[in-house]
Amino acid sequence: MQQFDLKFNRHGLIPAIVVDHYTKQVLTLAYMNEESLRISIAEGKTCFWSRSRGCLWRKGETSGNVQHIVSIKADCDRDALVVEVVKEGPACHTGEESCFFNDLYQNEDYKEFSYEQLYDLIAGRKTDPKEGSYTTYLFNKGIDKILKKVGEESTEVIIGGKGGDKRETIYEIADLAYHVMVLMVEMGITTRDIFDELASRHVIDKKIKQEKPV
């Protein structure tokens, strides 16, 4: 039987911080004992020890929102774990993507802005149109208008890059990223779909677009 060089507490438990493999968002804080850790490794899915129920529980066994394990790491003192997962569905029993959604404090000087947040904002303009919103205008105009803007912004990126103007190129790439996300929302494509596609290709060292046989 595999032995773990870990420091479990007096109850035989160790905290496990579950993190989304793609976004690095903290999803939940749970606890494992040796048995649940062995099950997690053997099955490749998270299994925890419920302190309230006093029993093992496999994430998603009732909800279907399982978490596929990518890696498990121990901290320097070996008394806490970080578990990176690819999740199917929300991590929280409330339906939220993460259990950590109650804001207590945010320093505006360090406020983060992610692709997921931008995507959600854009999607909100489609489901809940806002008068005077440029995003709502694009959705109302439809796919042809959106595609036209993607093409125009792509050209602007090329011009900025060719001219060697870093500031202008950053500006144009931001415009392109925004319009591509509008296209994604219009077509029902999520940021996870894109991350999954990139991960499957290993694009860093391989040709991105394959030639199609005629």
C-alpha atoms as a PDB file:
ATOM      1  CA  MET A   1       0.000   0.000   0.000  1.00  0.00           C
ATOM      2  CA  GLN A   2       1.319   3.431  -0.959  1.00  0.00           C
ATOM      3  CA  GLN A   3       2.577   5.456   2.014  1.00  0.00           C
ATOM      4  CA  PHE A   4       2.243   9.236   2.074  1.00  0.00           C
ATOM      5  CA  ASP A   5       4.856  11.380   3.799  1.00  0.00           C
ATOM      6  CA  LEU A   6       2.230  13.852   4.979  1.00  0.00           C
ATOM      7  CA  LYS A   7       1.287  15.436   8.295  1.00  0.00           C
ATOM      8  CA  PHE A   8      -2.361  14.633   8.961  1.00  0.00           C
ATOM      9  CA  ASN A   9      -3.917  16.389  11.959  1.00  0.00           C
ATOM     10  CA  ARG A  10      -5.011  14.628  15.142  1.00  0.00           C
ATOM     11  CA  HIS A  11      -8.241  13.632  13.424  1.00  0.00           C
ATOM     12  CA  GLY A  12      -6.330  12.021  10.592  1.00  0.00           C
ATOM     13  CA  LEU A  13      -7.248  14.790   8.129  1.00  0.00           C
ATOM     14  CA  ILE A  14      -5.370  17.150   5.849  1.00  0.00           C
ATOM     15  CA  PRO A  15      -6.854  20.270   4.181  1.00  0.00           C
ATOM     16  CA  ALA A  16      -7.121  20.081   0.395  1.00  0.00           C
ATOM     17  CA  ILE A  17      -7.433  23.298  -1.602  1.00  0.00           C
ATOM     18  CA  VAL A  18      -9.103  22.498  -4.922  1.00  0.00           C
ATOM     19  CA  VAL A  19      -8.073  24.714  -7.850  1.00  0.00           C
ATOM     20  CA  ASP A  20      -9.361  24.891 -11.427  1.00  0.00           C
ATOM     21  CA  HIS A  21      -6.570  23.630 -13.679  1.00  0.00           C
ATOM     22  CA  TYR A  22      -7.363  26.095 -16.460  1.00  0.00           C
ATOM     23  CA  THR A  23      -8.287  29.314 -14.677  1.00  0.00           C
ATOM     24  CA  LYS A  24      -6.364  28.697 -11.407  1.00  0.00           C
ATOM     25  CA  GLN A  25      -9.485  29.819  -9.526  1.00  0.00           C
ATOM     26  CA  VAL A  26      -9.793  28.421  -6.009  1.00  0.00           C
ATOM     27  CA  LEU A  27     -12.893  26.233  -6.090  1.00  0.00           C
ATOM     28  CA  THR A  28     -13.253  24.886  -2.577  1.00  0.00           C
ATOM     29  CA  LEU A  29     -11.497  23.894   0.638  1.00  0.00           C
ATOM     30  CA  ALA A  30     -12.171  20.313   1.692  1.00  0.00           C
ATOM     31  CA  TYR A  31     -10.473  17.660   3.801  1.00  0.00           C
ATOM     32  CA  MET A  32      -8.953  14.292   2.980  1.00  0.00           C
ATOM     33  CA  ASN A  33      -7.840  11.375   5.081  1.00  0.00           C
ATOM     34  CA  GLU A  34      -5.470   8.659   3.861  1.00  0.00           C
ATOM     35  CA  GLU A  35      -8.318   6.572   2.463  1.00  0.00           C
ATOM     36  CA  SER A  36      -9.928   9.400   0.506  1.00  0.00           C
ATOM     37  CA  LEU A  37      -6.512  10.407  -0.840  1.00  0.00           C
ATOM     38  CA  ARG A  38      -5.881   6.853  -2.031  1.00  0.00           C
ATOM     39  CA  ILE A  39      -9.309   6.723  -3.667  1.00  0.00           C
ATOM     40  CA  SER A  40      -8.717  10.076  -5.337  1.00  0.00           C
ATOM     41  CA  ILE A  41      -5.432   8.907  -6.833  1.00  0.00           C
ATOM     42  CA  ALA A  42      -6.772   5.483  -7.834  1.00  0.00           C
ATOM     43  CA  GLU A  43      -9.914   6.852  -9.501  1.00  0.00           C
ATOM     44  CA  GLY A  44      -8.474  10.119 -10.798  1.00  0.00           C
ATOM     45  CA  LYS A  45     -11.387  12.031  -9.281  1.00  0.00           C
ATOM     46  CA  THR A  46     -11.677  13.944  -6.020  1.00  0.00           C
ATOM     47  CA  CYS A  47     -12.849  12.085  -2.953  1.00  0.00           C
ATOM     48  CA  PHE A  48     -13.000  13.794   0.420  1.00  0.00           C
ATOM     49  CA  TRP A  49     -13.840  13.136   4.054  1.00  0.00           C
ATOM     50  CA  SER A  50     -16.983  14.887   5.241  1.00  0.00           C
ATOM     51  CA  ARG A  51     -16.440  16.189   8.757  1.00  0.00           C
ATOM     52  CA  SER A  52     -20.138  16.944   9.211  1.00  0.00           C
ATOM     53  CA  ARG A  53     -21.361  13.522   8.073  1.00  0.00           C
ATOM     54  CA  GLY A  54     -18.347  11.551   9.263  1.00  0.00           C
ATOM     55  CA  CYS A  55     -17.945   9.617   6.015  1.00  0.00           C
ATOM     56  CA  LEU A  56     -16.215   9.566   2.633  1.00  0.00           C
ATOM     57  CA  TRP A  57     -17.808  11.462  -0.238  1.00  0.00           C
ATOM     58  CA  ARG A  58     -16.901  11.513  -3.875  1.00  0.00           C
ATOM     59  CA  LYS A  59     -17.411  14.918  -5.460  1.00  0.00           C
ATOM     60  CA  GLY A  60     -20.261  14.657  -7.956  1.00  0.00           C
ATOM     61  CA  GLU A  61     -21.633  11.304  -6.775  1.00  0.00           C
ATOM     62  CA  THR A  62     -25.104  12.856  -6.489  1.00  0.00           C
ATOM     63  CA  SER A  63     -24.829  16.072  -8.531  1.00  0.00           C
ATOM     64  CA  GLY A  64     -22.777  14.704 -11.405  1.00  0.00           C
ATOM     65  CA  ASN A  65     -20.309  17.609 -10.997  1.00  0.00           C
ATOM     66  CA  VAL A  66     -17.218  15.447 -10.798  1.00  0.00           C
ATOM     67  CA  GLN A  67     -13.676  16.803 -10.645  1.00  0.00           C
ATOM     68  CA  HIS A  68     -10.967  15.077 -12.701  1.00  0.00           C
ATOM     69  CA  ILE A  69      -7.597  15.349 -10.978  1.00  0.00           C
ATOM     70  CA  VAL A  70      -4.665  16.817 -12.908  1.00  0.00           C
ATOM     71  CA  SER A  71      -2.191  16.987 -10.026  1.00  0.00           C
ATOM     72  CA  ILE A  72      -1.866  16.895  -6.239  1.00  0.00           C
ATOM     73  CA  LYS A  73       0.883  18.838  -4.476  1.00  0.00           C
ATOM     74  CA  ALA A  74       1.823  19.170  -0.821  1.00  0.00           C
ATOM     75  CA  ASP A  75       3.088  22.408   0.694  1.00  0.00           C
ATOM     76  CA  CYS A  76       6.538  22.896   2.232  1.00  0.00           C
ATOM     77  CA  ASP A  77       5.399  21.577   5.621  1.00  0.00           C
ATOM     78  CA  ARG A  78       3.506  18.695   3.997  1.00  0.00           C
ATOM     79  CA  ASP A  79       0.413  19.494   6.048  1.00  0.00           C
ATOM     80  CA  ALA A  80      -1.805  20.902   3.274  1.00  0.00           C
ATOM     81  CA  LEU A  81      -2.606  19.907  -0.305  1.00  0.00           C
ATOM     82  CA  VAL A  82      -3.397  21.722  -3.529  1.00  0.00           C
ATOM     83  CA  VAL A  83      -5.462  19.642  -5.936  1.00  0.00           C
ATOM     84  CA  GLU A  84      -5.708  20.904  -9.513  1.00  0.00           C
ATOM     85  CA  VAL A  85      -8.785  19.621 -11.318  1.00  0.00           C
ATOM     86  CA  VAL A  86     -10.734  19.798 -14.532  1.00  0.00           C
ATOM     87  CA  LYS A  87     -14.293  20.136 -13.330  1.00  0.00           C
ATOM     88  CA  GLU A  88     -17.589  19.104 -14.830  1.00  0.00           C
ATOM     89  CA  GLY A  89     -20.141  21.643 -13.665  1.00  0.00           C
ATOM     90  CA  PRO A  90     -20.101  23.998 -10.661  1.00  0.00           C
ATOM     91  CA  ALA A  91     -17.842  23.262  -7.711  1.00  0.00           C
ATOM     92  CA  CYS A  92     -20.248  24.665  -5.110  1.00  0.00           C
ATOM     93  CA  HIS A  93     -23.483  22.999  -3.970  1.00  0.00           C
ATOM     94  CA  THR A  94     -25.189  26.397  -4.422  1.00  0.00           C
ATOM     95  CA  GLY A  95     -24.586  26.239  -8.165  1.00  0.00           C
ATOM     96  CA  GLU A  96     -21.744  28.777  -8.105  1.00  0.00           C
ATOM     97  CA  GLU A  97     -18.582  27.917 -10.036  1.00  0.00           C
ATOM     98  CA  SER A  98     -16.531  28.333  -6.853  1.00  0.00           C
ATOM     99  CA  CYS A  99     -17.421  28.108  -3.175  1.00  0.00           C
ATOM    100  CA  PHE A 100     -15.575  31.407  -2.673  1.00  0.00           C
ATOM    101  CA  PHE A 101     -18.047  33.988  -3.962  1.00  0.00           C
ATOM    102  CA  ASN A 102     -18.801  36.117  -0.893  1.00  0.00           C
ATOM    103  CA  ASP A 103     -16.843  39.363  -1.296  1.00  0.00           C
ATOM    104  CA  LEU A 104     -15.449  40.782   1.940  1.00  0.00           C
ATOM    105  CA  TYR A 105     -12.802  43.186   0.642  1.00  0.00           C
ATOM    106  CA  GLN A 106     -11.250  44.167  -2.686  1.00  0.00           C
ATOM    107  CA  ASN A 107      -8.353  46.572  -3.084  1.00  0.00           C
ATOM    108  CA  GLU A 108      -9.283  48.405  -6.278  1.00  0.00           C
ATOM    109  CA  ASP A 109      -5.596  48.993  -7.073  1.00  0.00           C
ATOM    110  CA  TYR A 110      -5.177  45.240  -7.593  1.00  0.00           C
ATOM    111  CA  LYS A 111      -8.588  44.304  -8.946  1.00  0.00           C
ATOM    112  CA  GLU A 112      -8.264  41.409 -11.365  1.00  0.00           C
ATOM    113  CA  PHE A 113     -10.035  41.205 -14.687  1.00  0.00           C
ATOM    114  CA  SER A 114     -10.180  37.814 -16.369  1.00  0.00           C
ATOM    115  CA  TYR A 115     -11.333  36.485 -19.705  1.00  0.00           C
ATOM    116  CA  GLU A 116     -14.134  34.697 -17.867  1.00  0.00           C
ATOM    117  CA  GLN A 117     -15.363  37.960 -16.348  1.00  0.00           C
ATOM    118  CA  LEU A 118     -15.296  39.693 -19.722  1.00  0.00           C
ATOM    119  CA  TYR A 119     -17.118  36.765 -21.307  1.00  0.00           C
ATOM    120  CA  ASP A 120     -19.817  36.901 -18.634  1.00  0.00           C
ATOM    121  CA  LEU A 121     -20.246  40.662 -19.117  1.00  0.00           C
ATOM    122  CA  ILE A 122     -20.613  40.231 -22.870  1.00  0.00           C
ATOM    123  CA  ALA A 123     -23.033  37.336 -22.451  1.00  0.00           C
ATOM    124  CA  GLY A 124     -25.109  39.520 -20.125  1.00  0.00           C
ATOM    125  CA  ARG A 125     -25.592  42.071 -22.910  1.00  0.00           C
ATOM    126  CA  LYS A 126     -27.069  39.313 -25.069  1.00  0.00           C
ATOM    127  CA  THR A 127     -29.414  37.820 -22.471  1.00  0.00           C
ATOM    128  CA  ASP A 128     -30.284  41.187 -20.919  1.00  0.00           C
ATOM    129  CA  PRO A 129     -29.966  43.837 -23.675  1.00  0.00           C
ATOM    130  CA  LYS A 130     -29.014  47.330 -22.562  1.00  0.00           C
ATOM    131  CA  GLU A 131     -30.035  50.404 -24.510  1.00  0.00           C
ATOM    132  CA  GLY A 132     -27.055  52.314 -25.850  1.00  0.00           C
ATOM    133  CA  SER A 133     -24.685  49.362 -25.357  1.00  0.00           C
ATOM    134  CA  TYR A 134     -22.321  48.727 -28.278  1.00  0.00           C
ATOM    135  CA  THR A 135     -22.267  45.020 -27.390  1.00  0.00           C
ATOM    136  CA  THR A 136     -26.051  44.820 -27.498  1.00  0.00           C
ATOM    137  CA  TYR A 137     -25.913  46.649 -30.843  1.00  0.00           C
ATOM    138  CA  LEU A 138     -23.610  43.976 -32.254  1.00  0.00           C
ATOM    139  CA  PHE A 139     -25.867  41.158 -31.091  1.00  0.00           C
ATOM    140  CA  ASN A 140     -28.902  42.905 -32.584  1.00  0.00           C
ATOM    141  CA  LYS A 141     -27.093  43.281 -35.927  1.00  0.00           C
ATOM    142  CA  GLY A 142     -26.271  39.583 -35.991  1.00  0.00           C
ATOM    143  CA  ILE A 143     -23.483  37.272 -37.080  1.00  0.00           C
ATOM    144  CA  ASP A 144     -22.545  39.059 -40.311  1.00  0.00           C
ATOM    145  CA  LYS A 145     -21.858  42.341 -38.503  1.00  0.00           C
ATOM    146  CA  ILE A 146     -19.886  40.553 -35.778  1.00  0.00           C
ATOM    147  CA  LEU A 147     -17.762  38.703 -38.333  1.00  0.00           C
ATOM    148  CA  LYS A 148     -17.140  41.947 -40.214  1.00  0.00           C
ATOM    149  CA  LYS A 149     -15.804  43.558 -37.033  1.00  0.00           C
ATOM    150  CA  VAL A 150     -13.573  40.555 -36.295  1.00  0.00           C
ATOM    151  CA  GLY A 151     -12.108  40.897 -39.776  1.00  0.00           C
ATOM    152  CA  GLU A 152     -11.564  44.644 -39.404  1.00  0.00           C
ATOM    153  CA  GLU A 153      -9.880  44.283 -36.012  1.00  0.00           C
ATOM    154  CA  SER A 154      -7.649  41.480 -37.314  1.00  0.00           C
ATOM    155  CA  THR A 155      -6.431  43.844 -40.021  1.00  0.00           C
ATOM    156  CA  GLU A 156      -5.754  46.557 -37.443  1.00  0.00           C
ATOM    157  CA  VAL A 157      -3.635  44.128 -35.409  1.00  0.00           C
ATOM    158  CA  ILE A 158      -1.597  43.318 -38.517  1.00  0.00           C
ATOM    159  CA  ILE A 159      -1.064  47.012 -39.271  1.00  0.00           C
ATOM    160  CA  GLY A 160      -0.021  47.760 -35.691  1.00  0.00           C
ATOM    161  CA  GLY A 161       2.358  44.797 -35.562  1.00  0.00           C
ATOM    162  CA  LYS A 162       3.877  45.552 -38.942  1.00  0.00           C
ATOM    163  CA  GLY A 163       4.482  49.139 -37.884  1.00  0.00           C
ATOM    164  CA  GLY A 164       6.304  47.998 -34.764  1.00  0.00           C
ATOM    165  CA  ASP A 165       4.109  50.174 -32.546  1.00  0.00           C
ATOM    166  CA  LYS A 166       3.740  48.202 -29.300  1.00  0.00           C
ATOM    167  CA  ARG A 167       1.148  50.485 -27.706  1.00  0.00           C
ATOM    168  CA  GLU A 168      -1.044  50.514 -30.800  1.00  0.00           C
ATOM    169  CA  THR A 169      -0.710  46.751 -31.212  1.00  0.00           C
ATOM    170  CA  ILE A 170      -1.790  46.161 -27.610  1.00  0.00           C
ATOM    171  CA  TYR A 171      -4.809  48.406 -28.184  1.00  0.00           C
ATOM    172  CA  GLU A 172      -5.789  46.590 -31.375  1.00  0.00           C
ATOM    173  CA  ILE A 173      -5.272  43.116 -29.882  1.00  0.00           C
ATOM    174  CA  ALA A 174      -7.609  44.118 -27.035  1.00  0.00           C
ATOM    175  CA  ASP A 175     -10.212  45.219 -29.594  1.00  0.00           C
ATOM    176  CA  LEU A 176      -9.817  41.947 -31.472  1.00  0.00           C
ATOM    177  CA  ALA A 177     -10.081  39.867 -28.283  1.00  0.00           C
ATOM    178  CA  TYR A 178     -13.296  41.663 -27.351  1.00  0.00           C
ATOM    179  CA  HIS A 179     -14.918  41.150 -30.762  1.00  0.00           C
ATOM    180  CA  VAL A 180     -13.835  37.499 -30.856  1.00  0.00           C
ATOM    181  CA  MET A 181     -15.580  37.022 -27.512  1.00  0.00           C
ATOM    182  CA  VAL A 182     -18.736  38.598 -28.903  1.00  0.00           C
ATOM    183  CA  LEU A 183     -18.532  36.025 -31.705  1.00  0.00           C
ATOM    184  CA  MET A 184     -18.022  33.256 -29.146  1.00  0.00           C
ATOM    185  CA  VAL A 185     -21.103  34.273 -27.176  1.00  0.00           C
ATOM    186  CA  GLU A 186     -23.142  34.569 -30.365  1.00  0.00           C
ATOM    187  CA  MET A 187     -22.158  31.005 -31.355  1.00  0.00           C
ATOM    188  CA  GLY A 188     -22.396  29.503 -27.869  1.00  0.00           C
ATOM    189  CA  ILE A 189     -18.637  28.889 -27.621  1.00  0.00           C
ATOM    190  CA  THR A 190     -17.208  29.151 -24.089  1.00  0.00           C
ATOM    191  CA  THR A 191     -13.726  30.061 -22.884  1.00  0.00           C
ATOM    192  CA  ARG A 192     -13.436  26.470 -21.630  1.00  0.00           C
ATOM    193  CA  ASP A 193     -14.044  25.210 -25.176  1.00  0.00           C
ATOM    194  CA  ILE A 194     -11.075  27.273 -26.348  1.00  0.00           C
ATOM    195  CA  PHE A 195      -8.814  26.218 -23.465  1.00  0.00           C
ATOM    196  CA  ASP A 196      -9.670  22.555 -24.088  1.00  0.00           C
ATOM    197  CA  GLU A 197      -8.881  22.881 -27.789  1.00  0.00           C
ATOM    198  CA  LEU A 198      -5.539  24.578 -27.097  1.00  0.00           C
ATOM    199  CA  ALA A 199      -4.627  21.967 -24.476  1.00  0.00           C
ATOM    200  CA  SER A 200      -5.396  19.126 -26.881  1.00  0.00           C
ATOM    201  CA  ARG A 201      -3.106  20.569 -29.555  1.00  0.00           C
ATOM    202  CA  HIS A 202      -0.014  21.426 -27.476  1.00  0.00           C
ATOM    203  CA  VAL A 203       0.219  24.538 -29.658  1.00  0.00           C
ATOM    204  CA  ILE A 204       3.537  25.782 -28.265  1.00  0.00           C
ATOM    205  CA  ASP A 205       5.608  23.356 -30.311  1.00  0.00           C
ATOM    206  CA  LYS A 206       3.244  22.139 -33.007  1.00  0.00           C
ATOM    207  CA  LYS A 207       1.769  23.588 -36.147  1.00  0.00           C
ATOM    208  CA  ILE A 208      -1.533  25.192 -35.151  1.00  0.00           C
ATOM    209  CA  LYS A 209      -3.540  24.903 -38.355  1.00  0.00           C
ATOM    210  CA  GLN A 210      -3.225  21.708 -40.322  1.00  0.00           C
ATOM    211  CA  GLU A 211      -3.497  21.684 -44.088  1.00  0.00           C
ATOM    212  CA  LYS A 212      -6.606  19.920 -45.295  1.00  0.00           C
ATOM    213  CA  PRO A 213      -6.272  17.434 -48.168  1.00  0.00           C
ATOM    214  CA  VAL A 214      -8.017  18.530 -51.347  1.00  0.00           C
END
